Amino acid sequence: MFLTIGKLPTWIVVIVLLAGSWACPASLSAQVGNIDPAAFDEGIALLGERNFAATEKAVARLADSGDERAEAILTALLAGDLYVSKTHDSLVIGHDAGRNYAIQDALTGKDLEPVGKRKLKKIGINNNLRGIIKNALAGIRLSHPDPDVRLKAIHNMLPSLEPADSTFLKRLLAQETHPRVQSALKVALALIRLQAPEGSDAGTRLRALDQLAGNLQPAVRNTIIRLMAGEADETVRAKATRILQTIDSRIRLYAFLETIFFGLSWARSWCWPPSAWRSPSVSSG
């Protein structure tokens, strides 16, 4: 007896469902934090004053506002891409596009007509402000009420971690309550411990590798490869080799399942009638 769903064997449906679950975000509904519209509006108004003292206050107000637009605005400010448009009398994010600047409304994200550089007034920052903005962005991303946002922020940090980040990450770990975010923070700390193997003993490196086992983040794989290139301890090198082999095996497996998933999606669109999917039935063959 061969169980089918519609006209499809059950094993194919199971693979499709599993592949779909791996492709979808872990959480489909974000938890919305408290938003202070007045703080956001005040921050925007302060940016328009275009002086360092006002900009510093603006950064604090935007970071405290809880408004999701604050991150993009502060990121543009840090990159030197935040301007006041004389033409539109509004805050815009601009990029040099040759003869003109491509701009978009900083509040709505709407693309605006390109303008010449003389039509833009840049909101400048100094080194002190640069550090303040970086801290504000880190606070927004790593203290967000939605654990998926915090998780993404940690993943984004992994390729550029430095030993100096260890204290900050340990403090976050002590405060974190979500299991997946806790795990990601532990991975980040493990990567830091492996960055300077000469400054740690073999036991520390082995424990750090245990924390990385099975993790498919590219930064994890790259760190293990670098460790293996210079590792003198045979036990550590052997464990790193096994973990790397496991990671590569999982990457190949997921690539295979992804190919099956998209192949079945194509077949569904072009080959099978809609009734094969809309009217499930159980039959034996």
C-alpha atoms as a PDB file:
ATOM      1  CA  MET A   1       0.000   0.000   0.000  1.00  0.00           C
ATOM      2  CA  PHE A   2       1.352   3.398  -0.977  1.00  0.00           C
ATOM      3  CA  LEU A   3      -0.192   6.416   0.743  1.00  0.00           C
ATOM      4  CA  THR A   4      -0.812   9.417  -1.511  1.00  0.00           C
ATOM      5  CA  ILE A   5      -2.180  12.899  -0.948  1.00  0.00           C
ATOM      6  CA  GLY A   6      -4.075  13.970  -4.021  1.00  0.00           C
ATOM      7  CA  LYS A   7      -1.874  12.552  -6.788  1.00  0.00           C
ATOM      8  CA  LEU A   8       1.403  13.038  -4.919  1.00  0.00           C
ATOM      9  CA  PRO A   9       3.284  10.439  -2.861  1.00  0.00           C
ATOM     10  CA  THR A  10       3.388  11.367   0.825  1.00  0.00           C
ATOM     11  CA  TRP A  11       7.204  11.434   0.953  1.00  0.00           C
ATOM     12  CA  ILE A  12       7.275  14.203  -1.669  1.00  0.00           C
ATOM     13  CA  VAL A  13       4.718  16.266   0.255  1.00  0.00           C
ATOM     14  CA  VAL A  14       6.740  15.844   3.453  1.00  0.00           C
ATOM     15  CA  ILE A  15       9.912  17.111   1.741  1.00  0.00           C
ATOM     16  CA  VAL A  16       8.040  20.087   0.325  1.00  0.00           C
ATOM     17  CA  LEU A  17       6.609  20.985   3.740  1.00  0.00           C
ATOM     18  CA  LEU A  18       9.988  20.625   5.419  1.00  0.00           C
ATOM     19  CA  ALA A  19      11.710  22.686   2.746  1.00  0.00           C
ATOM     20  CA  GLY A  20       9.041  25.341   3.099  1.00  0.00           C
ATOM     21  CA  SER A  21       9.487  25.493   6.867  1.00  0.00           C
ATOM     22  CA  TRP A  22      13.244  25.995   6.487  1.00  0.00           C
ATOM     23  CA  ALA A  23      12.687  28.747   3.936  1.00  0.00           C
ATOM     24  CA  CYS A  24      10.182  30.706   6.035  1.00  0.00           C
ATOM     25  CA  PRO A  25      11.062  33.077   8.870  1.00  0.00           C
ATOM     26  CA  ALA A  26      10.900  31.601  12.349  1.00  0.00           C
ATOM     27  CA  SER A  27       8.261  34.099  13.352  1.00  0.00           C
ATOM     28  CA  LEU A  28       5.627  35.516  11.036  1.00  0.00           C
ATOM     29  CA  SER A  29       4.290  38.104  13.459  1.00  0.00           C
ATOM     30  CA  ALA A  30       6.651  40.600  15.047  1.00  0.00           C
ATOM     31  CA  GLN A  31       6.012  41.842  18.518  1.00  0.00           C
ATOM     32  CA  VAL A  32       5.592  45.598  18.302  1.00  0.00           C
ATOM     33  CA  GLY A  33       7.374  47.618  20.953  1.00  0.00           C
ATOM     34  CA  ASN A  34       6.302  50.922  22.464  1.00  0.00           C
ATOM     35  CA  ILE A  35       6.486  53.794  19.977  1.00  0.00           C
ATOM     36  CA  ASP A  36       6.847  57.436  20.997  1.00  0.00           C
ATOM     37  CA  PRO A  37       5.780  59.536  17.970  1.00  0.00           C
ATOM     38  CA  ALA A  38       6.625  62.781  19.760  1.00  0.00           C
ATOM     39  CA  ALA A  39      10.217  61.657  20.341  1.00  0.00           C
ATOM     40  CA  PHE A  40      10.565  60.683  16.688  1.00  0.00           C
ATOM     41  CA  ASP A  41       9.136  63.991  15.441  1.00  0.00           C
ATOM     42  CA  GLU A  42      11.405  65.929  17.798  1.00  0.00           C
ATOM     43  CA  GLY A  43      14.427  64.002  16.567  1.00  0.00           C
ATOM     44  CA  ILE A  44      13.580  64.777  12.938  1.00  0.00           C
ATOM     45  CA  ALA A  45      13.133  68.469  13.739  1.00  0.00           C
ATOM     46  CA  LEU A  46      16.487  68.571  15.550  1.00  0.00           C
ATOM     47  CA  LEU A  47      18.244  67.023  12.559  1.00  0.00           C
ATOM     48  CA  GLY A  48      16.982  69.909  10.463  1.00  0.00           C
ATOM     49  CA  GLU A  49      18.960  72.365  12.597  1.00  0.00           C
ATOM     50  CA  ARG A  50      22.195  70.911  11.181  1.00  0.00           C
ATOM     51  CA  ASN A  51      24.522  71.559  14.095  1.00  0.00           C
ATOM     52  CA  PHE A  52      26.411  69.000  16.156  1.00  0.00           C
ATOM     53  CA  ALA A  53      24.668  69.726  19.474  1.00  0.00           C
ATOM     54  CA  ALA A  54      21.211  69.415  17.936  1.00  0.00           C
ATOM     55  CA  THR A  55      22.212  66.292  16.013  1.00  0.00           C
ATOM     56  CA  GLU A  56      23.419  64.611  19.197  1.00  0.00           C
ATOM     57  CA  LYS A  57      20.044  65.270  20.825  1.00  0.00           C
ATOM     58  CA  ALA A  58      18.308  64.068  17.658  1.00  0.00           C
ATOM     59  CA  VAL A  59      20.170  60.753  17.760  1.00  0.00           C
ATOM     60  CA  ALA A  60      19.052  60.148  21.342  1.00  0.00           C
ATOM     61  CA  ARG A  61      15.417  61.033  20.599  1.00  0.00           C
ATOM     62  CA  LEU A  62      15.281  58.855  17.492  1.00  0.00           C
ATOM     63  CA  ALA A  63      16.905  55.915  19.278  1.00  0.00           C
ATOM     64  CA  ASP A  64      14.400  56.216  22.146  1.00  0.00           C
ATOM     65  CA  SER A  65      11.361  56.642  19.886  1.00  0.00           C
ATOM     66  CA  GLY A  66      10.865  52.977  19.050  1.00  0.00           C
ATOM     67  CA  ASP A  67       9.947  53.988  15.497  1.00  0.00           C
ATOM     68  CA  GLU A  68      11.158  51.455  12.939  1.00  0.00           C
ATOM     69  CA  ARG A  69      12.268  54.269  10.604  1.00  0.00           C
ATOM     70  CA  ALA A  70      14.881  55.469  13.104  1.00  0.00           C
ATOM     71  CA  GLU A  71      17.374  52.744  12.202  1.00  0.00           C
ATOM     72  CA  ALA A  72      17.459  53.607   8.485  1.00  0.00           C
ATOM     73  CA  ILE A  73      17.757  57.336   9.226  1.00  0.00           C
ATOM     74  CA  LEU A  74      20.603  56.861  11.706  1.00  0.00           C
ATOM     75  CA  THR A  75      22.341  54.441   9.341  1.00  0.00           C
ATOM     76  CA  ALA A  76      22.201  57.060   6.580  1.00  0.00           C
ATOM     77  CA  LEU A  77      23.441  59.745   8.979  1.00  0.00           C
ATOM     78  CA  LEU A  78      26.404  57.573   9.952  1.00  0.00           C
ATOM     79  CA  ALA A  79      27.226  56.896   6.281  1.00  0.00           C
ATOM     80  CA  GLY A  80      27.062  60.585   5.364  1.00  0.00           C
ATOM     81  CA  ASP A  81      23.989  60.054   3.187  1.00  0.00           C
ATOM     82  CA  LEU A  82      21.455  62.160   5.108  1.00  0.00           C
ATOM     83  CA  TYR A  83      20.485  65.548   3.659  1.00  0.00           C
ATOM     84  CA  VAL A  84      17.883  68.270   3.754  1.00  0.00           C
ATOM     85  CA  SER A  85      16.475  68.782   0.270  1.00  0.00           C
ATOM     86  CA  LYS A  86      16.019  72.436  -0.638  1.00  0.00           C
ATOM     87  CA  THR A  87      13.680  71.412  -3.438  1.00  0.00           C
ATOM     88  CA  HIS A  88      11.376  69.298  -1.297  1.00  0.00           C
ATOM     89  CA  ASP A  89      12.022  71.008   2.052  1.00  0.00           C
ATOM     90  CA  SER A  90      12.321  67.599   3.675  1.00  0.00           C
ATOM     91  CA  LEU A  91      14.794  65.106   5.060  1.00  0.00           C
ATOM     92  CA  VAL A  92      16.143  62.785   2.361  1.00  0.00           C
ATOM     93  CA  ILE A  93      18.608  59.944   1.941  1.00  0.00           C
ATOM     94  CA  GLY A  94      20.831  60.573  -1.074  1.00  0.00           C
ATOM     95  CA  HIS A  95      23.485  58.781  -3.091  1.00  0.00           C
ATOM     96  CA  ASP A  96      25.797  60.171  -5.735  1.00  0.00           C
ATOM     97  CA  ALA A  97      24.527  58.974  -9.114  1.00  0.00           C
ATOM     98  CA  GLY A  98      26.927  60.845 -11.366  1.00  0.00           C
ATOM     99  CA  ARG A  99      25.676  64.247 -12.481  1.00  0.00           C
ATOM    100  CA  ASN A 100      22.833  64.188  -9.915  1.00  0.00           C
ATOM    101  CA  TYR A 101      21.965  62.583  -6.598  1.00  0.00           C
ATOM    102  CA  ALA A 102      19.395  59.791  -6.370  1.00  0.00           C
ATOM    103  CA  ILE A 103      17.249  60.604  -3.346  1.00  0.00           C
ATOM    104  CA  GLN A 104      14.375  59.154  -1.367  1.00  0.00           C
ATOM    105  CA  ASP A 105      12.192  60.612   1.332  1.00  0.00           C
ATOM    106  CA  ALA A 106      13.732  59.598   4.666  1.00  0.00           C
ATOM    107  CA  LEU A 107      10.331  59.318   6.349  1.00  0.00           C
ATOM    108  CA  THR A 108       8.362  57.430   3.700  1.00  0.00           C
ATOM    109  CA  GLY A 109      11.082  55.698   1.664  1.00  0.00           C
ATOM    110  CA  LYS A 110       9.503  57.067  -1.514  1.00  0.00           C
ATOM    111  CA  ASP A 111      11.895  57.685  -4.411  1.00  0.00           C
ATOM    112  CA  LEU A 112      12.061  61.340  -5.443  1.00  0.00           C
ATOM    113  CA  GLU A 113      13.275  63.023  -8.584  1.00  0.00           C
ATOM    114  CA  PRO A 114      17.106  63.194  -8.729  1.00  0.00           C
ATOM    115  CA  VAL A 115      18.572  66.569  -7.848  1.00  0.00           C
ATOM    116  CA  GLY A 116      21.898  68.328  -8.178  1.00  0.00           C
ATOM    117  CA  LYS A 117      24.272  68.407  -5.230  1.00  0.00           C
ATOM    118  CA  ARG A 118      23.644  72.126  -4.722  1.00  0.00           C
ATOM    119  CA  LYS A 119      20.014  71.343  -3.950  1.00  0.00           C
ATOM    120  CA  LEU A 120      21.038  69.290  -0.925  1.00  0.00           C
ATOM    121  CA  LYS A 121      22.274  70.389   2.499  1.00  0.00           C
ATOM    122  CA  LYS A 122      24.250  67.614   4.154  1.00  0.00           C
ATOM    123  CA  ILE A 123      23.758  66.830   7.835  1.00  0.00           C
ATOM    124  CA  GLY A 124      27.357  66.481   8.943  1.00  0.00           C
ATOM    125  CA  ILE A 125      28.785  64.575  11.875  1.00  0.00           C
ATOM    126  CA  ASN A 126      32.102  64.545  13.720  1.00  0.00           C
ATOM    127  CA  ASN A 127      34.031  61.692  15.329  1.00  0.00           C
ATOM    128  CA  ASN A 128      32.216  62.107  18.641  1.00  0.00           C
ATOM    129  CA  LEU A 129      28.841  61.872  16.909  1.00  0.00           C
ATOM    130  CA  ARG A 130      30.015  58.889  14.890  1.00  0.00           C
ATOM    131  CA  GLY A 131      30.583  56.909  18.081  1.00  0.00           C
ATOM    132  CA  ILE A 132      27.266  58.053  19.546  1.00  0.00           C
ATOM    133  CA  ILE A 133      25.389  56.963  16.409  1.00  0.00           C
ATOM    134  CA  LYS A 134      27.079  53.555  16.371  1.00  0.00           C
ATOM    135  CA  ASN A 135      26.092  52.964  19.983  1.00  0.00           C
ATOM    136  CA  ALA A 136      22.536  54.106  19.277  1.00  0.00           C
ATOM    137  CA  LEU A 137      22.224  51.709  16.330  1.00  0.00           C
ATOM    138  CA  ALA A 138      23.596  48.826  18.373  1.00  0.00           C
ATOM    139  CA  GLY A 139      21.095  49.611  21.097  1.00  0.00           C
ATOM    140  CA  ILE A 140      18.192  49.724  18.636  1.00  0.00           C
ATOM    141  CA  ARG A 141      19.067  46.437  16.997  1.00  0.00           C
ATOM    142  CA  LEU A 142      20.189  44.421  20.005  1.00  0.00           C
ATOM    143  CA  SER A 143      17.571  45.675  22.463  1.00  0.00           C
ATOM    144  CA  HIS A 144      14.597  45.437  20.146  1.00  0.00           C
ATOM    145  CA  PRO A 145      11.479  43.849  21.725  1.00  0.00           C
ATOM    146  CA  ASP A 146      11.190  41.420  18.811  1.00  0.00           C
ATOM    147  CA  PRO A 147      13.629  38.510  19.352  1.00  0.00           C
ATOM    148  CA  ASP A 148      13.865  37.970  15.580  1.00  0.00           C
ATOM    149  CA  VAL A 149      15.252  41.500  15.181  1.00  0.00           C
ATOM    150  CA  ARG A 150      17.781  40.891  17.954  1.00  0.00           C
ATOM    151  CA  LEU A 151      18.737  37.583  16.370  1.00  0.00           C
ATOM    152  CA  LYS A 152      19.264  39.184  12.966  1.00  0.00           C
ATOM    153  CA  ALA A 153      21.372  41.940  14.545  1.00  0.00           C
ATOM    154  CA  ILE A 154      23.655  39.376  16.157  1.00  0.00           C
ATOM    155  CA  HIS A 155      23.996  37.443  12.899  1.00  0.00           C
ATOM    156  CA  ASN A 156      24.921  40.681  11.130  1.00  0.00           C
ATOM    157  CA  MET A 157      27.646  41.284  13.716  1.00  0.00           C
ATOM    158  CA  LEU A 158      29.318  37.898  13.317  1.00  0.00           C
ATOM    159  CA  PRO A 159      31.598  38.704  10.345  1.00  0.00           C
ATOM    160  CA  SER A 160      33.035  41.815  12.031  1.00  0.00           C
ATOM    161  CA  LEU A 161      33.370  40.771  15.671  1.00  0.00           C
ATOM    162  CA  GLU A 162      36.323  42.064  17.647  1.00  0.00           C
ATOM    163  CA  PRO A 163      37.704  41.032  21.064  1.00  0.00           C
ATOM    164  CA  ALA A 164      36.527  44.383  22.436  1.00  0.00           C
ATOM    165  CA  ASP A 165      32.924  43.298  21.775  1.00  0.00           C
ATOM    166  CA  SER A 166      33.161  40.534  24.350  1.00  0.00           C
ATOM    167  CA  THR A 167      32.171  42.614  27.397  1.00  0.00           C
ATOM    168  CA  PHE A 168      29.159  44.100  25.633  1.00  0.00           C
ATOM    169  CA  LEU A 169      27.981  40.701  24.401  1.00  0.00           C
ATOM    170  CA  LYS A 170      28.373  39.122  27.842  1.00  0.00           C
ATOM    171  CA  ARG A 171      26.213  41.870  29.315  1.00  0.00           C
ATOM    172  CA  LEU A 172      23.552  41.242  26.672  1.00  0.00           C
ATOM    173  CA  LEU A 173      23.693  37.493  27.337  1.00  0.00           C
ATOM    174  CA  ALA A 174      23.128  38.049  31.062  1.00  0.00           C
ATOM    175  CA  GLN A 175      19.953  40.023  30.258  1.00  0.00           C
ATOM    176  CA  GLU A 176      18.631  37.908  27.373  1.00  0.00           C
ATOM    177  CA  THR A 177      15.679  35.561  27.973  1.00  0.00           C
ATOM    178  CA  HIS A 178      14.935  34.180  24.498  1.00  0.00           C
ATOM    179  CA  PRO A 179      16.635  30.774  23.903  1.00  0.00           C
ATOM    180  CA  ARG A 180      17.500  31.364  20.227  1.00  0.00           C
ATOM    181  CA  VAL A 181      18.985  34.783  20.938  1.00  0.00           C
ATOM    182  CA  GLN A 182      20.926  33.371  23.890  1.00  0.00           C
ATOM    183  CA  SER A 183      22.333  30.682  21.602  1.00  0.00           C
ATOM    184  CA  ALA A 184      23.362  33.280  18.996  1.00  0.00           C
ATOM    185  CA  LEU A 185      25.119  35.373  21.636  1.00  0.00           C
ATOM    186  CA  LYS A 186      27.014  32.286  22.809  1.00  0.00           C
ATOM    187  CA  VAL A 187      28.066  31.627  19.220  1.00  0.00           C
ATOM    188  CA  ALA A 188      29.329  35.216  18.922  1.00  0.00           C
ATOM    189  CA  LEU A 189      31.365  34.860  22.114  1.00  0.00           C
ATOM    190  CA  ALA A 190      32.757  31.525  20.912  1.00  0.00           C
ATOM    191  CA  LEU A 191      33.901  33.143  17.663  1.00  0.00           C
ATOM    192  CA  ILE A 192      35.690  35.849  19.623  1.00  0.00           C
ATOM    193  CA  ARG A 193      37.493  33.216  21.693  1.00  0.00           C
ATOM    194  CA  LEU A 194      38.702  31.549  18.491  1.00  0.00           C
ATOM    195  CA  GLN A 195      39.929  34.770  16.900  1.00  0.00           C
ATOM    196  CA  ALA A 196      43.157  34.756  18.914  1.00  0.00           C
ATOM    197  CA  PRO A 197      43.894  31.075  19.631  1.00  0.00           C
ATOM    198  CA  GLU A 198      47.389  31.891  20.860  1.00  0.00           C
ATOM    199  CA  GLY A 199      45.801  33.713  23.792  1.00  0.00           C
ATOM    200  CA  SER A 200      43.747  30.740  24.970  1.00  0.00           C
ATOM    201  CA  ASP A 201      44.372  27.168  26.033  1.00  0.00           C
ATOM    202  CA  ALA A 202      43.251  24.126  24.073  1.00  0.00           C
ATOM    203  CA  GLY A 203      40.375  23.489  26.476  1.00  0.00           C
ATOM    204  CA  THR A 204      38.924  26.948  25.839  1.00  0.00           C
ATOM    205  CA  ARG A 205      39.119  26.433  22.091  1.00  0.00           C
ATOM    206  CA  LEU A 206      37.500  22.996  22.346  1.00  0.00           C
ATOM    207  CA  ARG A 207      34.590  24.435  24.348  1.00  0.00           C
ATOM    208  CA  ALA A 208      34.219  27.246  21.830  1.00  0.00           C
ATOM    209  CA  LEU A 209      34.096  24.710  18.990  1.00  0.00           C
ATOM    210  CA  ASP A 210      31.391  22.769  20.837  1.00  0.00           C
ATOM    211  CA  GLN A 211      29.304  25.943  20.820  1.00  0.00           C
ATOM    212  CA  LEU A 212      29.702  26.257  17.035  1.00  0.00           C
ATOM    213  CA  ALA A 213      28.870  22.667  16.104  1.00  0.00           C
ATOM    214  CA  GLY A 214      26.179  22.516  13.429  1.00  0.00           C
ATOM    215  CA  ASN A 215      25.918  26.296  12.971  1.00  0.00           C
ATOM    216  CA  LEU A 216      25.600  27.260   9.295  1.00  0.00           C
ATOM    217  CA  GLN A 217      26.422  30.955   9.561  1.00  0.00           C
ATOM    218  CA  PRO A 218      29.174  31.769   7.006  1.00  0.00           C
ATOM    219  CA  ALA A 219      31.200  33.563   9.688  1.00  0.00           C
ATOM    220  CA  VAL A 220      31.307  30.340  11.722  1.00  0.00           C
ATOM    221  CA  ARG A 221      32.609  28.296   8.811  1.00  0.00           C
ATOM    222  CA  ASN A 222      35.206  30.939   7.909  1.00  0.00           C
ATOM    223  CA  THR A 223      36.456  31.183  11.494  1.00  0.00           C
ATOM    224  CA  ILE A 224      36.874  27.412  11.756  1.00  0.00           C
ATOM    225  CA  ILE A 225      38.809  27.317   8.475  1.00  0.00           C
ATOM    226  CA  ARG A 226      41.166  30.056   9.739  1.00  0.00           C
ATOM    227  CA  LEU A 227      41.614  28.215  13.034  1.00  0.00           C
ATOM    228  CA  MET A 228      42.534  24.974  11.281  1.00  0.00           C
ATOM    229  CA  ALA A 229      45.163  26.741   9.186  1.00  0.00           C
ATOM    230  CA  GLY A 230      47.178  27.750  12.257  1.00  0.00           C
ATOM    231  CA  GLU A 231      46.111  25.335  14.989  1.00  0.00           C
ATOM    232  CA  ALA A 232      48.967  23.419  16.611  1.00  0.00           C
ATOM    233  CA  ASP A 233      46.943  21.226  18.980  1.00  0.00           C
ATOM    234  CA  GLU A 234      45.974  17.956  17.259  1.00  0.00           C
ATOM    235  CA  THR A 235      42.840  17.458  19.379  1.00  0.00           C
ATOM    236  CA  VAL A 236      41.540  20.927  18.554  1.00  0.00           C
ATOM    237  CA  ARG A 237      42.390  20.534  14.883  1.00  0.00           C
ATOM    238  CA  ALA A 238      40.631  17.148  14.721  1.00  0.00           C
ATOM    239  CA  LYS A 239      37.475  18.524  16.345  1.00  0.00           C
ATOM    240  CA  ALA A 240      37.494  21.558  14.050  1.00  0.00           C
ATOM    241  CA  THR A 241      37.800  19.226  11.040  1.00  0.00           C
ATOM    242  CA  ARG A 242      34.824  17.125  12.160  1.00  0.00           C
ATOM    243  CA  ILE A 243      32.666  20.182  12.786  1.00  0.00           C
ATOM    244  CA  LEU A 244      33.574  21.664   9.410  1.00  0.00           C
ATOM    245  CA  GLN A 245      32.712  18.389   7.672  1.00  0.00           C
ATOM    246  CA  THR A 246      29.323  18.342   9.413  1.00  0.00           C
ATOM    247  CA  ILE A 247      28.630  21.946   8.408  1.00  0.00           C
ATOM    248  CA  ASP A 248      29.529  21.240   4.778  1.00  0.00           C
ATOM    249  CA  SER A 249      27.341  18.120   4.762  1.00  0.00           C
ATOM    250  CA  ARG A 250      24.353  20.078   6.022  1.00  0.00           C
ATOM    251  CA  ILE A 251      24.920  22.825   3.475  1.00  0.00           C
ATOM    252  CA  ARG A 252      24.895  20.239   0.687  1.00  0.00           C
ATOM    253  CA  LEU A 253      21.757  18.588   2.109  1.00  0.00           C
ATOM    254  CA  TYR A 254      19.850  21.861   2.345  1.00  0.00           C
ATOM    255  CA  ALA A 255      20.942  22.818  -1.163  1.00  0.00           C
ATOM    256  CA  PHE A 256      19.599  19.467  -2.406  1.00  0.00           C
ATOM    257  CA  LEU A 257      16.268  19.918  -0.600  1.00  0.00           C
ATOM    258  CA  GLU A 258      16.011  23.473  -1.889  1.00  0.00           C
ATOM    259  CA  THR A 259      16.458  22.190  -5.434  1.00  0.00           C
ATOM    260  CA  ILE A 260      13.676  19.644  -4.883  1.00  0.00           C
ATOM    261  CA  PHE A 261      11.416  22.287  -3.360  1.00  0.00           C
ATOM    262  CA  PHE A 262      11.786  24.723  -6.245  1.00  0.00           C
ATOM    263  CA  GLY A 263      11.547  21.896  -8.767  1.00  0.00           C
ATOM    264  CA  LEU A 264       8.243  20.775  -7.298  1.00  0.00           C
ATOM    265  CA  SER A 265       7.015  24.362  -7.227  1.00  0.00           C
ATOM    266  CA  TRP A 266       7.795  24.659 -10.941  1.00  0.00           C
ATOM    267  CA  ALA A 267       6.083  21.344 -11.640  1.00  0.00           C
ATOM    268  CA  ARG A 268       3.032  22.451  -9.698  1.00  0.00           C
ATOM    269  CA  SER A 269       2.769  25.607 -11.805  1.00  0.00           C
ATOM    270  CA  TRP A 270       3.334  24.007 -15.213  1.00  0.00           C
ATOM    271  CA  CYS A 271       2.501  20.340 -15.082  1.00  0.00           C
ATOM    272  CA  TRP A 272      -0.107  19.390 -12.483  1.00  0.00           C
ATOM    273  CA  PRO A 273      -3.740  20.534 -12.569  1.00  0.00           C
ATOM    274  CA  PRO A 274      -4.909  22.659  -9.613  1.00  0.00           C
ATOM    275  CA  SER A 275      -7.324  19.872  -8.584  1.00  0.00           C
ATOM    276  CA  ALA A 276      -4.359  17.691  -7.636  1.00  0.00           C
ATOM    277  CA  TRP A 277      -3.531  20.186  -4.856  1.00  0.00           C
ATOM    278  CA  ARG A 278      -6.925  21.601  -3.950  1.00  0.00           C
ATOM    279  CA  SER A 279      -8.774  18.369  -3.252  1.00  0.00           C
ATOM    280  CA  PRO A 280      -6.675  16.177  -0.931  1.00  0.00           C
ATOM    281  CA  SER A 281      -7.694  12.532  -0.681  1.00  0.00           C
ATOM    282  CA  VAL A 282      -6.180   9.342   0.660  1.00  0.00           C
ATOM    283  CA  SER A 283      -5.933   6.370  -1.646  1.00  0.00           C
ATOM    284  CA  SER A 284      -3.985   3.149  -1.848  1.00  0.00           C
ATOM    285  CA  GLY A 285      -2.053   1.853  -4.775  1.00  0.00           C
END
